[in-house]
Amino acid sequence: MGIYATLLHKYLKSIIGTLFMNKNILIIGSGWLGWPLAQYLTLAGHQVTATTTCEKKVIRLGSTTPVLIKLNANDPHLTGRISAFPDFDLMIIVLPPQREQTDYLYQLQQLVKLADGNNISHILFISSTGVYGQQSGIVTESSPTVPSSDSAQAMADFEQALLIKGSGCHSVLRLAGLFGPGRHPGKFLAGKVDISNPEAVVNMIHQQDCIGLIEHIIMQNSWGRIHLGCAPSHPTRREFYQQGASQLALTAPQFVTTGGKQSKLVDGAITANQLGYRYNHPDLMDWLKQQ
């Protein structure tokens, strides 16, 4: 009888754990990061719906595949458009600004209205370390933002408004330069000449680690704060991009030999320690050499 009681206890514990840990997640954006994130979270047991603006991409598949729906975040009548779907526990905004986009902040604000209209209690905004601008030295989660572009300014403004509005229910994840499948950094500067700041350090993060950090934030309910994602290694621009081009047998970029010592180092150690996260690709040069 004791054995049966033990087995029943373990069974009930697993069911309760599933009920409380698995979430109903809405991912805004199904691009280079959003779609792999949706697939990963679905396989992890969450119920995931991702959005796209492309009609041809819209599909509904089985329980092991995310649901993909068409949604235009610029629609002024957006609120309530997802009411036909089950209640969502959280919204993850993975929607980087388009080149020369002028209404990015408005677009993000519409998404908050969408969340409010569907009683979504938590929002995780995937932002960028571009909000730090061109400042030098080490930057962390608490460093001031000094945006140097309109899109970065929109991100910084939205971050601030979201955290104030959320009262501890929303969070921000600032990601460094992205690389991974389909984005080999060896292509970024290949063949270019007279590139400045050869000794400035590289701040980048692999797609797998972006997803890993997002999962940790969700599962640990790390709300009401700013998180930072960046690999802990920081090779110089010269060694990183020349090695990257070499790995792809492309023409190595040529850097100027003097001047341009301004350098920003993105330190994501605080976030990694708080979340207990270990990077899958901590050494950027090692990753390059393995490709």
C-alpha atoms as a PDB file:
ATOM      1  CA  MET A   1       0.000   0.000   0.000  1.00  0.00           C
ATOM      2  CA  GLY A   2       2.886   2.299   0.810  1.00  0.00           C
ATOM      3  CA  ILE A   3       4.324   1.798  -2.661  1.00  0.00           C
ATOM      4  CA  TYR A   4       1.022   2.678  -4.325  1.00  0.00           C
ATOM      5  CA  ALA A   5       0.682   5.772  -2.142  1.00  0.00           C
ATOM      6  CA  THR A   6       4.190   6.857  -3.128  1.00  0.00           C
ATOM      7  CA  LEU A   7       3.500   6.335  -6.824  1.00  0.00           C
ATOM      8  CA  LEU A   8       0.223   8.237  -6.556  1.00  0.00           C
ATOM      9  CA  HIS A   9       1.998  11.094  -4.785  1.00  0.00           C
ATOM     10  CA  LYS A  10       4.634  11.295  -7.520  1.00  0.00           C
ATOM     11  CA  TYR A  11       1.942  11.199 -10.201  1.00  0.00           C
ATOM     12  CA  LEU A  12      -0.102  13.977  -8.619  1.00  0.00           C
ATOM     13  CA  LYS A  13       3.042  16.032  -8.060  1.00  0.00           C
ATOM     14  CA  SER A  14       3.969  15.769 -11.733  1.00  0.00           C
ATOM     15  CA  ILE A  15       0.447  16.758 -12.821  1.00  0.00           C
ATOM     16  CA  ILE A  16       0.374  19.749 -10.476  1.00  0.00           C
ATOM     17  CA  GLY A  17       3.844  20.772 -11.624  1.00  0.00           C
ATOM     18  CA  THR A  18       2.712  20.685 -15.231  1.00  0.00           C
ATOM     19  CA  LEU A  19      -0.410  22.711 -14.490  1.00  0.00           C
ATOM     20  CA  PHE A  20       1.494  25.430 -12.688  1.00  0.00           C
ATOM     21  CA  MET A  21       4.635  25.594 -14.835  1.00  0.00           C
ATOM     22  CA  ASN A  22       3.337  25.218 -18.377  1.00  0.00           C
ATOM     23  CA  LYS A  23       2.006  28.500 -19.716  1.00  0.00           C
ATOM     24  CA  ASN A  24      -0.118  29.834 -22.533  1.00  0.00           C
ATOM     25  CA  ILE A  25       2.235  32.174 -24.391  1.00  0.00           C
ATOM     26  CA  LEU A  26       1.664  34.716 -27.156  1.00  0.00           C
ATOM     27  CA  ILE A  27       4.798  35.570 -29.137  1.00  0.00           C
ATOM     28  CA  ILE A  28       4.597  38.739 -31.231  1.00  0.00           C
ATOM     29  CA  GLY A  29       6.866  38.206 -34.212  1.00  0.00           C
ATOM     30  CA  SER A  30       7.871  34.926 -35.847  1.00  0.00           C
ATOM     31  CA  GLY A  31      11.140  35.947 -37.461  1.00  0.00           C
ATOM     32  CA  TRP A  32      14.719  34.804 -36.958  1.00  0.00           C
ATOM     33  CA  LEU A  33      14.367  34.641 -33.165  1.00  0.00           C
ATOM     34  CA  GLY A  34      10.608  34.547 -32.608  1.00  0.00           C
ATOM     35  CA  TRP A  35       9.836  31.367 -34.555  1.00  0.00           C
ATOM     36  CA  PRO A  36      12.647  29.184 -33.109  1.00  0.00           C
ATOM     37  CA  LEU A  37      11.613  30.491 -29.683  1.00  0.00           C
ATOM     38  CA  ALA A  38       8.013  29.456 -30.342  1.00  0.00           C
ATOM     39  CA  GLN A  39       9.113  25.998 -31.457  1.00  0.00           C
ATOM     40  CA  TYR A  40      11.361  25.526 -28.432  1.00  0.00           C
ATOM     41  CA  LEU A  41       8.760  26.627 -25.895  1.00  0.00           C
ATOM     42  CA  THR A  42       6.149  24.385 -27.531  1.00  0.00           C
ATOM     43  CA  LEU A  43       8.436  21.364 -27.250  1.00  0.00           C
ATOM     44  CA  ALA A  44       9.046  22.343 -23.619  1.00  0.00           C
ATOM     45  CA  GLY A  45       5.339  21.822 -22.966  1.00  0.00           C
ATOM     46  CA  HIS A  46       3.922  25.336 -23.240  1.00  0.00           C
ATOM     47  CA  GLN A  47       0.938  26.282 -25.385  1.00  0.00           C
ATOM     48  CA  VAL A  48       2.331  28.804 -27.854  1.00  0.00           C
ATOM     49  CA  THR A  49       0.750  31.122 -30.403  1.00  0.00           C
ATOM     50  CA  ALA A  50       3.028  33.215 -32.613  1.00  0.00           C
ATOM     51  CA  THR A  51       2.072  36.088 -34.906  1.00  0.00           C
ATOM     52  CA  THR A  52       3.096  36.971 -38.440  1.00  0.00           C
ATOM     53  CA  THR A  53       2.163  39.689 -40.918  1.00  0.00           C
ATOM     54  CA  CYS A  54       2.486  37.253 -43.832  1.00  0.00           C
ATOM     55  CA  GLU A  55      -0.742  35.517 -44.869  1.00  0.00           C
ATOM     56  CA  LYS A  56       1.159  32.685 -46.569  1.00  0.00           C
ATOM     57  CA  LYS A  57       2.887  31.707 -43.325  1.00  0.00           C
ATOM     58  CA  VAL A  58      -0.343  31.215 -41.364  1.00  0.00           C
ATOM     59  CA  ILE A  59      -0.786  27.587 -40.332  1.00  0.00           C
ATOM     60  CA  ARG A  60      -2.496  25.549 -37.651  1.00  0.00           C
ATOM     61  CA  LEU A  61      -0.807  22.286 -36.797  1.00  0.00           C
ATOM     62  CA  GLY A  62      -0.691  19.732 -34.006  1.00  0.00           C
ATOM     63  CA  SER A  63       0.065  20.156 -30.318  1.00  0.00           C
ATOM     64  CA  THR A  64       3.810  19.837 -30.907  1.00  0.00           C
ATOM     65  CA  THR A  65       3.878  22.810 -33.267  1.00  0.00           C
ATOM     66  CA  PRO A  66       3.132  26.462 -32.392  1.00  0.00           C
ATOM     67  CA  VAL A  67      -0.046  28.024 -33.764  1.00  0.00           C
ATOM     68  CA  LEU A  68       0.760  30.835 -36.197  1.00  0.00           C
ATOM     69  CA  ILE A  69      -1.741  33.664 -36.702  1.00  0.00           C
ATOM     70  CA  LYS A  70      -1.754  36.776 -38.877  1.00  0.00           C
ATOM     71  CA  LEU A  71      -1.605  40.033 -36.943  1.00  0.00           C
ATOM     72  CA  ASN A  72      -0.737  43.582 -37.995  1.00  0.00           C
ATOM     73  CA  ALA A  73       0.641  45.462 -34.992  1.00  0.00           C
ATOM     74  CA  ASN A  74       0.082  48.788 -36.776  1.00  0.00           C
ATOM     75  CA  ASP A  75      -3.674  48.265 -36.938  1.00  0.00           C
ATOM     76  CA  PRO A  76      -5.330  51.016 -34.815  1.00  0.00           C
ATOM     77  CA  HIS A  77      -8.210  48.594 -34.145  1.00  0.00           C
ATOM     78  CA  LEU A  78      -5.911  45.817 -32.995  1.00  0.00           C
ATOM     79  CA  THR A  79      -7.318  45.424 -29.471  1.00  0.00           C
ATOM     80  CA  GLY A  80      -9.347  42.259 -29.069  1.00  0.00           C
ATOM     81  CA  ARG A  81      -8.230  40.645 -32.327  1.00  0.00           C
ATOM     82  CA  ILE A  82      -6.973  37.518 -30.519  1.00  0.00           C
ATOM     83  CA  SER A  83     -10.016  37.072 -28.283  1.00  0.00           C
ATOM     84  CA  ALA A  84     -10.913  33.846 -30.096  1.00  0.00           C
ATOM     85  CA  PHE A  85      -7.825  32.188 -28.633  1.00  0.00           C
ATOM     86  CA  PRO A  86      -7.454  30.872 -25.060  1.00  0.00           C
ATOM     87  CA  ASP A  87      -6.407  33.236 -22.293  1.00  0.00           C
ATOM     88  CA  PHE A  88      -2.708  34.003 -22.476  1.00  0.00           C
ATOM     89  CA  ASP A  89      -0.467  34.085 -19.414  1.00  0.00           C
ATOM     90  CA  LEU A  90       2.131  36.288 -21.052  1.00  0.00           C
ATOM     91  CA  MET A  91       3.138  38.116 -24.209  1.00  0.00           C
ATOM     92  CA  ILE A  92       6.691  38.073 -25.548  1.00  0.00           C
ATOM     93  CA  ILE A  93       7.391  40.921 -27.973  1.00  0.00           C
ATOM     94  CA  VAL A  94      10.099  39.810 -30.424  1.00  0.00           C
ATOM     95  CA  LEU A  95       9.581  42.569 -32.939  1.00  0.00           C
ATOM     96  CA  PRO A  96      12.732  44.468 -33.941  1.00  0.00           C
ATOM     97  CA  PRO A  97      12.261  47.754 -35.812  1.00  0.00           C
ATOM     98  CA  GLN A  98      12.349  47.681 -39.574  1.00  0.00           C
ATOM     99  CA  ARG A  99      14.931  49.746 -41.423  1.00  0.00           C
ATOM    100  CA  GLU A 100      13.943  53.445 -41.407  1.00  0.00           C
ATOM    101  CA  GLN A 101      10.689  52.640 -39.571  1.00  0.00           C
ATOM    102  CA  THR A 102       9.121  55.797 -38.121  1.00  0.00           C
ATOM    103  CA  ASP A 103       6.177  54.355 -36.191  1.00  0.00           C
ATOM    104  CA  TYR A 104       7.970  51.723 -34.107  1.00  0.00           C
ATOM    105  CA  LEU A 105       7.000  53.193 -30.732  1.00  0.00           C
ATOM    106  CA  TYR A 106       3.354  53.444 -31.818  1.00  0.00           C
ATOM    107  CA  GLN A 107       3.479  49.820 -32.921  1.00  0.00           C
ATOM    108  CA  LEU A 108       4.772  48.720 -29.519  1.00  0.00           C
ATOM    109  CA  GLN A 109       2.142  50.800 -27.736  1.00  0.00           C
ATOM    110  CA  GLN A 110      -0.575  49.073 -29.761  1.00  0.00           C
ATOM    111  CA  LEU A 111       0.695  45.736 -28.520  1.00  0.00           C
ATOM    112  CA  VAL A 112       0.321  46.856 -24.914  1.00  0.00           C
ATOM    113  CA  LYS A 113      -3.292  47.766 -25.705  1.00  0.00           C
ATOM    114  CA  LEU A 114      -3.694  44.293 -27.182  1.00  0.00           C
ATOM    115  CA  ALA A 115      -2.357  42.763 -23.966  1.00  0.00           C
ATOM    116  CA  ASP A 116      -4.670  44.905 -21.852  1.00  0.00           C
ATOM    117  CA  GLY A 117      -7.673  44.019 -24.000  1.00  0.00           C
ATOM    118  CA  ASN A 118      -6.983  40.316 -23.551  1.00  0.00           C
ATOM    119  CA  ASN A 119      -6.096  40.459 -19.845  1.00  0.00           C
ATOM    120  CA  ILE A 120      -2.500  39.371 -20.411  1.00  0.00           C
ATOM    121  CA  SER A 121      -0.793  39.992 -17.082  1.00  0.00           C
ATOM    122  CA  HIS A 122       2.890  39.703 -18.099  1.00  0.00           C
ATOM    123  CA  ILE A 123       4.853  41.183 -21.006  1.00  0.00           C
ATOM    124  CA  LEU A 124       8.477  40.406 -21.848  1.00  0.00           C
ATOM    125  CA  PHE A 125       9.928  42.920 -24.305  1.00  0.00           C
ATOM    126  CA  ILE A 126      12.978  41.766 -26.260  1.00  0.00           C
ATOM    127  CA  SER A 127      15.008  44.937 -26.584  1.00  0.00           C
ATOM    128  CA  SER A 128      18.564  45.672 -27.703  1.00  0.00           C
ATOM    129  CA  THR A 129      21.819  46.867 -26.192  1.00  0.00           C
ATOM    130  CA  GLY A 130      21.571  49.560 -28.850  1.00  0.00           C
ATOM    131  CA  VAL A 131      19.790  51.613 -26.180  1.00  0.00           C
ATOM    132  CA  TYR A 132      23.237  52.251 -24.644  1.00  0.00           C
ATOM    133  CA  GLY A 133      24.304  54.149 -27.744  1.00  0.00           C
ATOM    134  CA  GLN A 134      27.951  54.986 -28.377  1.00  0.00           C
ATOM    135  CA  GLN A 135      29.095  55.333 -24.765  1.00  0.00           C
ATOM    136  CA  SER A 136      32.403  53.742 -23.741  1.00  0.00           C
ATOM    137  CA  GLY A 137      33.290  51.464 -20.869  1.00  0.00           C
ATOM    138  CA  ILE A 138      31.377  48.681 -19.173  1.00  0.00           C
ATOM    139  CA  VAL A 139      27.579  48.798 -19.340  1.00  0.00           C
ATOM    140  CA  THR A 140      25.234  46.733 -17.169  1.00  0.00           C
ATOM    141  CA  GLU A 141      21.515  46.492 -16.494  1.00  0.00           C
ATOM    142  CA  SER A 142      21.619  49.688 -14.429  1.00  0.00           C
ATOM    143  CA  SER A 143      23.672  51.794 -16.863  1.00  0.00           C
ATOM    144  CA  PRO A 144      21.941  54.853 -18.344  1.00  0.00           C
ATOM    145  CA  THR A 145      20.542  54.622 -21.846  1.00  0.00           C
ATOM    146  CA  VAL A 146      21.978  57.037 -24.406  1.00  0.00           C
ATOM    147  CA  PRO A 147      20.252  56.098 -27.685  1.00  0.00           C
ATOM    148  CA  SER A 148      21.902  57.345 -30.848  1.00  0.00           C
ATOM    149  CA  SER A 149      19.166  56.391 -33.331  1.00  0.00           C
ATOM    150  CA  ASP A 150      15.425  56.887 -33.566  1.00  0.00           C
ATOM    151  CA  SER A 151      14.711  53.167 -33.223  1.00  0.00           C
ATOM    152  CA  ALA A 152      16.940  52.854 -30.156  1.00  0.00           C
ATOM    153  CA  GLN A 153      15.209  55.894 -28.644  1.00  0.00           C
ATOM    154  CA  ALA A 154      11.842  54.248 -29.267  1.00  0.00           C
ATOM    155  CA  MET A 155      13.058  51.096 -27.517  1.00  0.00           C
ATOM    156  CA  ALA A 156      14.349  53.044 -24.518  1.00  0.00           C
ATOM    157  CA  ASP A 157      11.107  55.026 -24.232  1.00  0.00           C
ATOM    158  CA  PHE A 158       9.006  51.874 -24.472  1.00  0.00           C
ATOM    159  CA  GLU A 159      11.137  50.047 -21.899  1.00  0.00           C
ATOM    160  CA  GLN A 160      10.629  52.801 -19.376  1.00  0.00           C
ATOM    161  CA  ALA A 161       6.888  53.101 -19.981  1.00  0.00           C
ATOM    162  CA  LEU A 162       6.419  49.324 -19.860  1.00  0.00           C
ATOM    163  CA  LEU A 163       8.237  48.876 -16.561  1.00  0.00           C
ATOM    164  CA  ILE A 164       6.365  51.779 -14.951  1.00  0.00           C
ATOM    165  CA  LYS A 165       3.006  50.553 -16.228  1.00  0.00           C
ATOM    166  CA  GLY A 166       3.671  46.949 -15.269  1.00  0.00           C
ATOM    167  CA  SER A 167       4.189  47.614 -11.550  1.00  0.00           C
ATOM    168  CA  GLY A 168       6.468  44.605 -11.327  1.00  0.00           C
ATOM    169  CA  CYS A 169       4.581  42.452 -13.861  1.00  0.00           C
ATOM    170  CA  HIS A 170       6.586  43.200 -17.016  1.00  0.00           C
ATOM    171  CA  SER A 171      10.266  42.759 -17.872  1.00  0.00           C
ATOM    172  CA  VAL A 172      12.810  43.729 -20.502  1.00  0.00           C
ATOM    173  CA  LEU A 173      15.604  41.637 -22.026  1.00  0.00           C
ATOM    174  CA  ARG A 174      18.276  43.660 -23.824  1.00  0.00           C
ATOM    175  CA  LEU A 175      20.194  41.493 -26.282  1.00  0.00           C
ATOM    176  CA  ALA A 176      23.625  42.186 -27.738  1.00  0.00           C
ATOM    177  CA  GLY A 177      24.441  41.510 -31.403  1.00  0.00           C
ATOM    178  CA  LEU A 178      22.694  38.373 -32.641  1.00  0.00           C
ATOM    179  CA  PHE A 179      24.350  35.474 -34.407  1.00  0.00           C
ATOM    180  CA  GLY A 180      23.560  31.835 -35.083  1.00  0.00           C
ATOM    181  CA  PRO A 181      21.721  29.886 -37.819  1.00  0.00           C
ATOM    182  CA  GLY A 182      21.660  31.961 -40.985  1.00  0.00           C
ATOM    183  CA  ARG A 183      23.594  34.769 -39.304  1.00  0.00           C
ATOM    184  CA  HIS A 184      27.260  33.883 -39.404  1.00  0.00           C
ATOM    185  CA  PRO A 185      29.261  36.916 -38.223  1.00  0.00           C
ATOM    186  CA  GLY A 186      31.959  36.122 -40.773  1.00  0.00           C
ATOM    187  CA  LYS A 187      29.677  37.686 -43.391  1.00  0.00           C
ATOM    188  CA  PHE A 188      29.040  40.920 -41.493  1.00  0.00           C
ATOM    189  CA  LEU A 189      32.203  42.808 -42.507  1.00  0.00           C
ATOM    190  CA  ALA A 190      33.772  40.527 -45.123  1.00  0.00           C
ATOM    191  CA  GLY A 191      35.494  42.416 -47.939  1.00  0.00           C
ATOM    192  CA  LYS A 192      35.140  45.832 -46.323  1.00  0.00           C
ATOM    193  CA  VAL A 193      38.117  48.172 -45.899  1.00  0.00           C
ATOM    194  CA  ASP A 194      39.169  51.089 -43.691  1.00  0.00           C
ATOM    195  CA  ILE A 195      37.007  49.910 -40.800  1.00  0.00           C
ATOM    196  CA  SER A 196      37.436  51.933 -37.618  1.00  0.00           C
ATOM    197  CA  ASN A 197      37.859  50.803 -34.012  1.00  0.00           C
ATOM    198  CA  PRO A 198      39.834  47.584 -34.627  1.00  0.00           C
ATOM    199  CA  GLU A 199      40.527  47.145 -30.895  1.00  0.00           C
ATOM    200  CA  ALA A 200      36.963  47.756 -29.756  1.00  0.00           C
ATOM    201  CA  VAL A 201      35.463  44.632 -28.216  1.00  0.00           C
ATOM    202  CA  VAL A 202      32.654  42.546 -29.687  1.00  0.00           C
ATOM    203  CA  ASN A 203      29.356  42.171 -27.817  1.00  0.00           C
ATOM    204  CA  MET A 204      27.305  39.286 -29.216  1.00  0.00           C
ATOM    205  CA  ILE A 205      24.956  36.481 -28.200  1.00  0.00           C
ATOM    206  CA  HIS A 206      23.993  33.227 -29.929  1.00  0.00           C
ATOM    207  CA  GLN A 207      20.355  32.496 -30.794  1.00  0.00           C
ATOM    208  CA  GLN A 208      20.397  29.454 -28.498  1.00  0.00           C
ATOM    209  CA  ASP A 209      21.384  31.612 -25.535  1.00  0.00           C
ATOM    210  CA  CYS A 210      18.709  34.201 -26.365  1.00  0.00           C
ATOM    211  CA  ILE A 211      16.121  31.432 -26.116  1.00  0.00           C
ATOM    212  CA  GLY A 212      17.716  30.034 -22.976  1.00  0.00           C
ATOM    213  CA  LEU A 213      17.591  33.375 -21.182  1.00  0.00           C
ATOM    214  CA  ILE A 214      13.969  33.938 -22.193  1.00  0.00           C
ATOM    215  CA  GLU A 215      13.010  30.513 -20.870  1.00  0.00           C
ATOM    216  CA  HIS A 216      14.758  31.203 -17.551  1.00  0.00           C
ATOM    217  CA  ILE A 217      12.982  34.550 -17.159  1.00  0.00           C
ATOM    218  CA  ILE A 218       9.607  32.903 -17.766  1.00  0.00           C
ATOM    219  CA  MET A 219      10.097  29.879 -15.540  1.00  0.00           C
ATOM    220  CA  GLN A 220      11.582  31.884 -12.680  1.00  0.00           C
ATOM    221  CA  ASN A 221       8.928  34.613 -12.928  1.00  0.00           C
ATOM    222  CA  SER A 222      11.651  37.221 -13.116  1.00  0.00           C
ATOM    223  CA  TRP A 223       9.336  40.186 -13.610  1.00  0.00           C
ATOM    224  CA  GLY A 224       9.715  43.873 -12.950  1.00  0.00           C
ATOM    225  CA  ARG A 225      13.336  44.165 -14.004  1.00  0.00           C
ATOM    226  CA  ILE A 226      15.784  44.730 -16.851  1.00  0.00           C
ATOM    227  CA  HIS A 227      17.812  41.728 -18.007  1.00  0.00           C
ATOM    228  CA  LEU A 228      20.893  41.713 -20.190  1.00  0.00           C
ATOM    229  CA  GLY A 229      22.013  39.043 -22.649  1.00  0.00           C
ATOM    230  CA  CYS A 230      25.581  38.978 -23.965  1.00  0.00           C
ATOM    231  CA  ALA A 231      28.223  36.251 -24.214  1.00  0.00           C
ATOM    232  CA  PRO A 232      30.868  36.664 -21.498  1.00  0.00           C
ATOM    233  CA  SER A 233      33.785  36.700 -23.962  1.00  0.00           C
ATOM    234  CA  HIS A 234      34.731  39.906 -25.761  1.00  0.00           C
ATOM    235  CA  PRO A 235      37.359  39.502 -28.496  1.00  0.00           C
ATOM    236  CA  THR A 236      38.415  42.545 -30.482  1.00  0.00           C
ATOM    237  CA  ARG A 237      36.607  43.456 -33.669  1.00  0.00           C
ATOM    238  CA  ARG A 238      39.765  42.813 -35.672  1.00  0.00           C
ATOM    239  CA  GLU A 239      40.364  39.240 -34.480  1.00  0.00           C
ATOM    240  CA  PHE A 240      36.696  38.252 -34.405  1.00  0.00           C
ATOM    241  CA  TYR A 241      35.610  39.439 -37.834  1.00  0.00           C
ATOM    242  CA  GLN A 242      38.833  38.443 -39.593  1.00  0.00           C
ATOM    243  CA  GLN A 243      38.599  34.957 -38.100  1.00  0.00           C
ATOM    244  CA  GLY A 244      34.922  34.782 -39.026  1.00  0.00           C
ATOM    245  CA  ALA A 245      35.599  35.679 -42.667  1.00  0.00           C
ATOM    246  CA  SER A 246      38.461  33.183 -42.781  1.00  0.00           C
ATOM    247  CA  GLN A 247      36.187  30.381 -41.575  1.00  0.00           C
ATOM    248  CA  LEU A 248      33.889  31.041 -44.542  1.00  0.00           C
ATOM    249  CA  ALA A 249      36.768  31.499 -47.011  1.00  0.00           C
ATOM    250  CA  LEU A 250      35.684  35.101 -47.570  1.00  0.00           C
ATOM    251  CA  THR A 251      37.871  38.179 -48.028  1.00  0.00           C
ATOM    252  CA  ALA A 252      38.928  39.323 -44.572  1.00  0.00           C
ATOM    253  CA  PRO A 253      37.889  42.843 -43.570  1.00  0.00           C
ATOM    254  CA  GLN A 254      40.657  45.428 -43.331  1.00  0.00           C
ATOM    255  CA  PHE A 255      40.808  47.756 -40.334  1.00  0.00           C
ATOM    256  CA  VAL A 256      42.578  51.083 -39.944  1.00  0.00           C
ATOM    257  CA  THR A 257      45.792  50.784 -37.974  1.00  0.00           C
ATOM    258  CA  THR A 258      45.524  53.879 -35.812  1.00  0.00           C
ATOM    259  CA  GLY A 259      42.912  55.808 -33.857  1.00  0.00           C
ATOM    260  CA  GLY A 260      39.416  54.783 -32.870  1.00  0.00           C
ATOM    261  CA  LYS A 261      39.873  53.307 -29.397  1.00  0.00           C
ATOM    262  CA  GLN A 262      36.296  53.877 -28.211  1.00  0.00           C
ATOM    263  CA  SER A 263      34.896  50.636 -26.869  1.00  0.00           C
ATOM    264  CA  LYS A 264      31.741  49.506 -25.065  1.00  0.00           C
ATOM    265  CA  LEU A 265      31.687  46.228 -23.153  1.00  0.00           C
ATOM    266  CA  VAL A 266      28.276  44.743 -22.396  1.00  0.00           C
ATOM    267  CA  ASP A 267      28.473  42.786 -19.141  1.00  0.00           C
ATOM    268  CA  GLY A 268      25.585  40.341 -18.722  1.00  0.00           C
ATOM    269  CA  ALA A 269      27.000  38.628 -15.622  1.00  0.00           C
ATOM    270  CA  ILE A 270      24.408  40.050 -13.220  1.00  0.00           C
ATOM    271  CA  THR A 271      21.490  38.653 -15.216  1.00  0.00           C
ATOM    272  CA  ALA A 272      23.209  35.285 -15.703  1.00  0.00           C
ATOM    273  CA  ASN A 273      23.887  35.013 -11.966  1.00  0.00           C
ATOM    274  CA  GLN A 274      20.374  36.077 -10.968  1.00  0.00           C
ATOM    275  CA  LEU A 275      18.808  33.526 -13.293  1.00  0.00           C
ATOM    276  CA  GLY A 276      21.407  30.827 -12.669  1.00  0.00           C
ATOM    277  CA  TYR A 277      22.007  30.707 -16.411  1.00  0.00           C
ATOM    278  CA  ARG A 278      25.078  29.125 -18.030  1.00  0.00           C
ATOM    279  CA  TYR A 279      25.796  30.175 -21.602  1.00  0.00           C
ATOM    280  CA  ASN A 280      25.851  27.473 -24.259  1.00  0.00           C
ATOM    281  CA  HIS A 281      28.242  29.565 -26.340  1.00  0.00           C
ATOM    282  CA  PRO A 282      30.283  31.661 -23.886  1.00  0.00           C
ATOM    283  CA  ASP A 283      33.451  31.847 -26.007  1.00  0.00           C
ATOM    284  CA  LEU A 284      32.878  33.604 -29.321  1.00  0.00           C
ATOM    285  CA  MET A 285      36.243  32.677 -30.818  1.00  0.00           C
ATOM    286  CA  ASP A 286      35.745  29.009 -29.955  1.00  0.00           C
ATOM    287  CA  TRP A 287      32.360  29.075 -31.671  1.00  0.00           C
ATOM    288  CA  LEU A 288      33.915  30.551 -34.810  1.00  0.00           C
ATOM    289  CA  LYS A 289      36.650  27.908 -34.909  1.00  0.00           C
ATOM    290  CA  GLN A 290      34.095  25.111 -34.670  1.00  0.00           C
ATOM    291  CA  GLN A 291      32.125  26.257 -37.705  1.00  0.00           C
END
